[in-house]
Amino acid sequence: MDSVCRNCRREGMKLFLKGEKCFTPKCPVSRRAYPPGIHGPKGASKATEYGTQLREKQKAKRIYGVRERQFRNYVNQALGRTGNTADQLLQMLERRIDAVIFRVGITQSHRQARQLVAHGHFAVNGRRVTIPSYRVNVGDVITLRNKNELARENNVLSINFAQEKNISIPEWLRFDPSEKRVEVFRLPTRKDIELSFDPKLIIEFYSR
C-alpha cells in the first residue's frame, strides 16, 4: 500500500493525498477504516489532550506536505503576528503556491502541485518559481509556463485540464481555466477554507 494512504488511515479520515484514487472504492480508508498495523482493527484507545493536539498537527502537516521544521517556523511566525494566531497560521499555509494551484483544480492533489511547481512549470508575475512554499501576495498572477509543451509531456496534467470539474474556487482567488491563470484577489480568511483539522489545537500543541 502507498505510504500516503497509510497516513490517511492513521488519521482516521481522508486527507485526499492521492487525488482521483481518494474518490474511488479503491481508497484504503473506505476499505479499511482503522489504523494501519499488522494486528488489524483494534479498539480505539482513549485520546489524551496531548495526543489530540498531536493528531491535529500531523493532519495539517500531511495535508500540506510540510516537514516538521518548516511547520514549526510557520507557527512561530503566526505567534509573532497580531490578530488570531490560528487564522494567521491558516493564511500562511493557504498562500503557498502549491496550495493555490490545488485549490483552483489544476492538480488532483497537493503532492502533484508540489511536484509541478518544483519542476518549474509555473510562474508568478512572469517569473519562474520552483519553490512549492513560495507565498503569494495580493495582486500576484500565477500562470502555467509552456502550456502546449507541458500538455504533451505530462499526461496527468493533460487529463486534469480536460476533465469537467465541479470545483468551488475560493473567493480570494480568480481563475481563468482557458488560460490556466490564477490571480490573488485578496488574502484568504477562515471562511474561505474548508478545514479537516483544528488550527487552535495546533497552536496549543506548540505553546505547551
Protein backbone atom coordinates (compact mmCIF):
# COMPACT_ATOMS: atom_id res chain seq x y z
CA MET A 1 0.00 0.00 0.00
CA ASP A 2 1.14 3.51 -0.77
CA SER A 3 2.61 5.22 2.31
CA VAL A 4 0.41 8.29 1.89
CA CYS A 5 -2.68 6.07 2.14
CA ARG A 6 -1.34 4.78 5.44
CA ASN A 7 -1.20 8.38 6.61
CA CYS A 8 -4.91 8.81 5.90
CA ARG A 9 -5.74 5.61 7.77
CA ARG A 10 -3.58 6.73 10.68
CA GLU A 11 -5.61 9.95 10.96
CA GLY A 12 -8.90 8.08 10.57
CA MET A 13 -10.09 10.24 7.66
CA LYS A 14 -9.44 11.02 4.01
CA LEU A 15 -6.75 13.66 3.60
CA PHE A 16 -7.06 13.46 -0.21
CA LEU A 17 -3.36 12.83 -0.74
CA LYS A 18 -3.76 10.52 -3.76
CA GLY A 19 -6.01 12.65 -5.93
CA GLU A 20 -8.52 10.69 -8.03
CA LYS A 21 -8.00 7.43 -6.09
CA CYS A 22 -9.45 9.08 -2.98
CA PHE A 23 -12.86 9.30 -4.70
CA THR A 24 -12.98 5.65 -5.80
CA PRO A 25 -13.88 2.40 -3.98
CA LYS A 26 -10.16 1.55 -4.06
CA CYS A 27 -9.45 4.15 -1.38
CA PRO A 28 -7.90 2.24 1.58
CA VAL A 29 -9.72 4.49 4.08
CA SER A 30 -13.04 3.27 2.70
CA ARG A 31 -11.94 -0.34 2.59
CA ARG A 32 -10.13 -0.47 5.94
CA ALA A 33 -11.37 2.26 8.26
CA TYR A 34 -8.89 1.53 11.03
CA PRO A 35 -5.24 2.50 11.70
CA PRO A 36 -2.54 0.56 9.79
CA GLY A 37 -0.71 -2.25 11.56
CA ILE A 38 -0.11 -5.97 11.47
CA HIS A 39 -2.78 -6.72 14.07
CA GLY A 40 -5.75 -5.41 12.12
CA PRO A 41 -8.60 -3.41 13.65
CA LYS A 42 -8.38 -2.82 17.39
CA GLY A 43 -10.48 -0.92 19.88
CA ALA A 44 -9.75 2.79 19.91
CA SER A 45 -7.72 3.93 22.89
CA LYS A 46 -8.77 6.99 24.85
CA ALA A 47 -7.01 10.05 23.46
CA THR A 48 -5.19 12.37 25.83
CA GLU A 49 -5.15 16.15 25.40
CA TYR A 50 -1.59 15.94 24.10
CA GLY A 51 -2.49 13.10 21.75
CA THR A 52 -5.45 15.03 20.30
CA GLN A 53 -3.29 18.09 19.68
CA LEU A 54 -0.58 15.93 18.11
CA ARG A 55 -3.04 14.29 15.71
CA GLU A 56 -4.32 17.69 14.52
CA LYS A 57 -0.77 18.85 13.91
CA GLN A 58 0.04 15.68 11.96
CA LYS A 59 -3.08 16.07 9.82
CA ALA A 60 -2.15 19.60 8.80
CA LYS A 61 1.46 18.65 8.04
CA ARG A 62 0.36 15.76 5.85
CA ILE A 63 -2.33 17.71 4.01
CA TYR A 64 0.08 20.48 3.02
CA GLY A 65 3.16 18.25 2.71
CA VAL A 66 5.18 20.31 5.17
CA ARG A 67 8.02 18.90 7.26
CA GLU A 68 8.29 19.48 11.00
CA ARG A 69 10.94 22.20 10.95
CA GLN A 70 9.12 24.24 8.31
CA PHE A 71 5.77 23.77 10.04
CA ARG A 72 7.23 24.97 13.34
CA ASN A 73 8.53 28.05 11.54
CA TYR A 74 5.02 28.78 10.29
CA VAL A 75 3.69 28.51 13.83
CA ASN A 76 6.41 30.79 15.21
CA GLN A 77 5.65 33.37 12.52
CA ALA A 78 1.94 33.17 13.34
CA LEU A 79 2.68 33.66 17.05
CA GLY A 80 4.67 36.78 16.23
CA ARG A 81 1.83 38.42 14.28
CA THR A 82 -1.12 40.46 15.50
CA GLY A 83 -4.61 39.02 15.31
CA ASN A 84 -5.87 35.48 15.76
CA THR A 85 -2.85 33.16 15.73
CA ALA A 86 -4.73 30.16 14.33
CA ASP A 87 -6.09 32.28 11.46
CA GLN A 88 -2.60 33.60 10.73
CA LEU A 89 -1.28 30.02 10.50
CA LEU A 90 -4.06 29.00 8.11
CA GLN A 91 -3.43 32.02 5.91
CA MET A 92 0.27 31.23 5.55
CA LEU A 93 -0.47 27.62 4.62
CA GLU A 94 -3.14 28.56 2.06
CA ARG A 95 -0.91 31.20 0.44
CA ARG A 96 1.67 28.59 -0.56
CA ILE A 97 1.76 28.45 -4.36
CA ASP A 98 1.26 24.67 -4.38
CA ALA A 99 -1.87 25.07 -2.22
CA VAL A 100 -3.24 27.74 -4.56
CA ILE A 101 -2.71 25.57 -7.64
CA PHE A 102 -4.50 22.68 -5.94
CA ARG A 103 -7.39 24.85 -4.73
CA VAL A 104 -8.33 26.00 -8.22
CA GLY A 105 -8.37 22.42 -9.54
CA ILE A 106 -5.33 22.42 -11.81
CA THR A 107 -3.98 19.38 -9.97
CA GLN A 108 -5.70 16.50 -8.20
CA SER A 109 -3.63 16.70 -5.00
CA HIS A 110 -1.26 18.92 -3.06
CA ARG A 111 1.53 16.44 -3.78
CA GLN A 112 1.04 16.71 -7.54
CA ALA A 113 1.02 20.51 -7.26
CA ARG A 114 4.30 20.47 -5.31
CA GLN A 115 5.91 18.30 -7.99
CA LEU A 116 4.85 20.54 -10.87
CA VAL A 117 6.00 23.69 -9.10
CA ALA A 118 9.35 22.11 -8.25
CA HIS A 119 9.80 21.23 -11.94
CA GLY A 120 9.38 24.89 -12.86
CA HIS A 121 6.04 24.65 -14.68
CA PHE A 122 4.57 27.80 -13.08
CA ALA A 123 5.46 31.48 -12.96
CA VAL A 124 4.40 34.29 -10.65
CA ASN A 125 4.13 37.70 -12.34
CA GLY A 126 6.11 36.27 -15.27
CA ARG A 127 8.97 34.93 -13.13
CA ARG A 128 9.58 31.18 -12.91
CA VAL A 129 9.01 29.72 -9.44
CA THR A 130 10.40 26.35 -8.35
CA ILE A 131 9.74 26.54 -4.59
CA PRO A 132 6.38 25.00 -3.56
CA SER A 133 6.36 27.02 -0.32
CA TYR A 134 6.55 30.33 -2.22
CA ARG A 135 3.98 32.62 -0.60
CA VAL A 136 1.73 34.60 -2.92
CA ASN A 137 0.52 38.15 -2.23
CA VAL A 138 -2.48 40.24 -3.26
CA GLY A 139 -2.20 41.15 -6.93
CA ASP A 140 0.08 38.24 -7.85
CA VAL A 141 -0.73 36.38 -11.07
CA ILE A 142 0.18 32.70 -11.42
CA THR A 143 0.49 31.32 -14.94
CA LEU A 144 1.41 27.98 -16.48
CA ARG A 145 4.64 28.09 -18.47
CA ASN A 146 4.83 26.37 -21.88
CA LYS A 147 1.26 25.06 -21.74
CA ASN A 148 1.38 23.15 -25.01
CA GLU A 149 4.72 21.50 -24.29
CA LEU A 150 3.66 20.53 -20.78
CA ALA A 151 0.38 19.06 -22.04
CA ARG A 152 2.35 16.73 -24.33
CA GLU A 153 4.90 15.75 -21.70
CA ASN A 154 2.65 15.43 -18.66
CA ASN A 155 -0.30 13.17 -19.33
CA VAL A 156 -1.68 13.52 -15.82
CA LEU A 157 -1.96 17.29 -16.10
CA SER A 158 -3.48 16.96 -19.57
CA ILE A 159 -6.21 14.75 -18.13
CA ASN A 160 -6.85 17.22 -15.32
CA PHE A 161 -7.30 20.06 -17.78
CA ALA A 162 -9.67 18.02 -19.93
CA GLN A 163 -11.90 16.87 -17.07
CA GLU A 164 -15.17 18.58 -16.25
CA LYS A 165 -14.76 19.63 -12.64
CA ASN A 166 -17.32 20.89 -10.18
CA ILE A 167 -14.81 22.77 -8.04
CA SER A 168 -15.73 25.70 -5.86
CA ILE A 169 -12.98 28.26 -6.40
CA PRO A 170 -12.12 30.12 -3.16
CA GLU A 171 -13.42 33.68 -3.22
CA TRP A 172 -9.97 35.12 -2.59
CA LEU A 173 -8.77 33.74 -5.96
CA ARG A 174 -9.72 34.46 -9.57
CA PHE A 175 -9.16 31.59 -12.01
CA ASP A 176 -9.31 31.61 -15.81
CA PRO A 177 -9.38 27.89 -16.79
CA SER A 178 -8.86 28.56 -20.51
CA GLU A 179 -5.62 30.45 -19.86
CA LYS A 180 -4.65 28.47 -16.73
CA ARG A 181 -4.25 31.83 -15.00
CA VAL A 182 -4.77 32.46 -11.28
CA GLU A 183 -4.95 35.93 -9.72
CA VAL A 184 -4.75 36.56 -5.97
CA PHE A 185 -7.72 38.89 -5.44
CA ARG A 186 -7.32 39.24 -1.66
CA LEU A 187 -5.89 37.38 1.32
CA PRO A 188 -7.76 34.26 2.49
CA THR A 189 -9.88 34.27 5.64
CA ARG A 190 -11.12 31.42 7.82
CA LYS A 191 -14.46 31.24 5.97
CA ASP A 192 -12.61 30.62 2.67
CA ILE A 193 -11.03 27.40 3.92
CA GLU A 194 -12.70 24.01 4.37
CA LEU A 195 -10.95 22.65 7.43
CA SER A 196 -10.33 19.00 8.28
CA PHE A 197 -8.18 19.90 11.29
CA ASP A 198 -8.38 22.33 14.21
CA PRO A 199 -5.67 25.04 13.95
CA LYS A 200 -6.35 26.17 17.52
CA LEU A 201 -5.24 22.78 18.85
CA ILE A 202 -2.08 23.03 16.75
CA ILE A 203 -1.19 26.37 18.32
CA GLU A 204 -1.85 24.87 21.75
CA PHE A 205 0.46 21.95 20.93
CA TYR A 206 3.39 24.23 20.14
CA SER A 207 2.62 26.55 23.05
CA ARG A 208 2.97 23.83 25.70
